[in-house]
Amino acid sequence: MKTYNLEVLHILDSIALLKEYTSGYNRNTFAATNEKYDAILRRLQTMAEATQKLPTELKESHSSIQWKKISDFRNIVAHDYLGEIITQHLKPLEEATKKMLLRLNEESHAQAT
């Protein structure tokens, strides 16, 4: 049976870095350098790819998260909704994936005993 801890950890790692990269977010100064902008896009890509690998059942247990929008991030980025992701969607996603990790760890521990 496959566990999804790695994917959940990729999401949480990406969120932590996105929060660091966007600390003090200001639309006028956002991603002041190409490197910072590229790093943010890469983290969003990593996060989106990880969510696509999570099983539907696990995502359905956190139905308040817009999983489809996350996996379709390329469209969001192309239409300049990057700030919306950072300001509105990272916190709920972080909370949901932390709960997922706890659940997966509990299930893994229960299987081991």
Protein backbone atom coordinates (compact mmCIF):
# COMPACT_ATOMS: atom_id res chain seq x y z
CA MET A 1 0.00 0.00 0.00
CA LYS A 2 1.42 3.37 -1.04
CA THR A 3 1.71 6.10 1.54
CA TYR A 4 1.48 9.73 0.55
CA ASN A 5 3.64 11.29 3.24
CA LEU A 6 6.24 12.44 0.72
CA GLU A 7 3.66 14.29 -1.37
CA VAL A 8 2.15 15.91 1.72
CA LEU A 9 5.63 16.92 2.90
CA HIS A 10 6.38 18.43 -0.54
CA ILE A 11 3.23 20.53 -0.19
CA LEU A 12 4.15 21.69 3.30
CA ASP A 13 7.75 22.43 2.29
CA SER A 14 6.52 24.44 -0.68
CA ILE A 15 4.10 26.37 1.49
CA ALA A 16 6.85 27.19 4.00
CA LEU A 17 9.12 28.48 1.25
CA LEU A 18 6.30 30.40 -0.44
CA LYS A 19 5.53 32.09 2.87
CA GLU A 20 9.22 32.98 3.26
CA TYR A 21 9.53 34.25 -0.31
CA THR A 22 6.37 36.35 -0.06
CA SER A 23 6.77 37.73 3.45
CA GLY A 24 5.56 41.31 3.40
CA TYR A 25 3.71 40.74 0.14
CA ASN A 26 3.08 43.92 -1.78
CA ARG A 27 1.67 43.75 -5.31
CA ASN A 28 3.96 46.58 -6.47
CA THR A 29 7.18 44.99 -5.20
CA PHE A 30 6.23 41.34 -5.52
CA ALA A 31 8.96 39.14 -6.98
CA ALA A 32 11.38 42.01 -7.34
CA THR A 33 13.93 39.74 -8.97
CA ASN A 34 13.61 37.14 -11.68
CA GLU A 35 15.18 34.59 -9.35
CA LYS A 36 12.57 35.19 -6.68
CA TYR A 37 9.74 35.04 -9.21
CA ASP A 38 11.13 31.81 -10.67
CA ALA A 39 11.54 30.31 -7.20
CA ILE A 40 7.90 31.11 -6.39
CA LEU A 41 6.69 29.58 -9.64
CA ARG A 42 8.79 26.47 -9.06
CA ARG A 43 7.37 26.02 -5.58
CA LEU A 44 3.84 26.42 -6.93
CA GLN A 45 4.63 23.79 -9.55
CA THR A 46 6.04 21.40 -6.93
CA MET A 47 2.98 21.95 -4.77
CA ALA A 48 0.56 21.42 -7.68
CA GLU A 49 2.30 18.25 -8.82
CA ALA A 50 2.22 16.85 -5.29
CA THR A 51 -1.52 17.51 -4.95
CA GLN A 52 -2.16 15.69 -8.21
CA LYS A 53 -0.56 12.55 -6.77
CA LEU A 54 -2.78 12.49 -3.68
CA PRO A 55 -5.67 10.02 -3.84
CA THR A 56 -9.16 11.43 -4.33
CA GLU A 57 -10.35 9.94 -1.03
CA LEU A 58 -7.69 11.81 0.90
CA LYS A 59 -8.48 15.10 -0.84
CA GLU A 60 -12.23 14.59 -0.35
CA SER A 61 -11.63 14.50 3.40
CA HIS A 62 -10.62 18.18 2.98
CA SER A 63 -13.26 19.29 0.50
CA SER A 64 -12.93 22.97 1.43
CA ILE A 65 -9.63 23.05 -0.48
CA GLN A 66 -9.94 23.80 -4.18
CA TRP A 67 -7.77 20.89 -5.32
CA LYS A 68 -8.66 21.30 -8.98
CA LYS A 69 -7.56 24.94 -8.96
CA ILE A 70 -4.28 23.99 -7.35
CA SER A 71 -3.57 21.30 -9.92
CA ASP A 72 -4.47 23.76 -12.69
CA PHE A 73 -2.08 26.38 -11.35
CA ARG A 74 -0.61 27.04 -14.80
CA ASN A 75 -3.90 28.64 -15.82
CA ILE A 76 -3.98 30.63 -12.61
CA VAL A 77 -0.44 31.91 -13.14
CA ALA A 78 -1.12 32.69 -16.80
CA HIS A 79 -4.07 34.87 -15.75
CA ASP A 80 -2.15 36.69 -12.97
CA TYR A 81 -3.94 35.15 -9.98
CA LEU A 82 -0.65 34.41 -8.24
CA GLY A 83 -1.36 36.93 -5.49
CA GLU A 84 -4.74 35.30 -4.85
CA ILE A 85 -3.04 31.95 -4.24
CA ILE A 86 -0.61 33.47 -1.78
CA THR A 87 -3.05 35.67 0.12
CA GLN A 88 -6.14 33.44 0.18
CA HIS A 89 -5.32 29.78 -0.39
CA LEU A 90 -1.99 28.91 1.25
CA LYS A 91 -3.20 28.95 4.86
CA PRO A 92 -6.19 26.60 4.37
CA LEU A 93 -4.05 24.29 2.25
CA GLU A 94 -1.34 24.25 4.90
CA GLU A 95 -3.86 23.37 7.61
CA ALA A 96 -5.44 20.61 5.52
CA THR A 97 -2.12 19.02 4.57
CA LYS A 98 -0.90 19.08 8.18
CA LYS A 99 -4.06 17.19 9.13
CA MET A 100 -3.43 14.78 6.24
CA LEU A 101 0.09 14.15 7.50
CA LEU A 102 -1.21 13.41 10.99
CA ARG A 103 -3.79 11.02 9.55
CA LEU A 104 -1.24 9.28 7.35
CA ASN A 105 1.19 8.94 10.26
CA GLU A 106 -1.57 7.52 12.46
CA GLU A 107 -2.57 5.03 9.75
CA SER A 108 1.06 4.06 9.21
CA HIS A 109 1.58 3.61 12.94
CA ALA A 110 -1.60 1.52 13.22
CA GLN A 111 -0.45 -0.74 10.38
CA ALA A 112 2.94 -1.18 12.01
CA THR A 113 1.44 -2.38 15.29
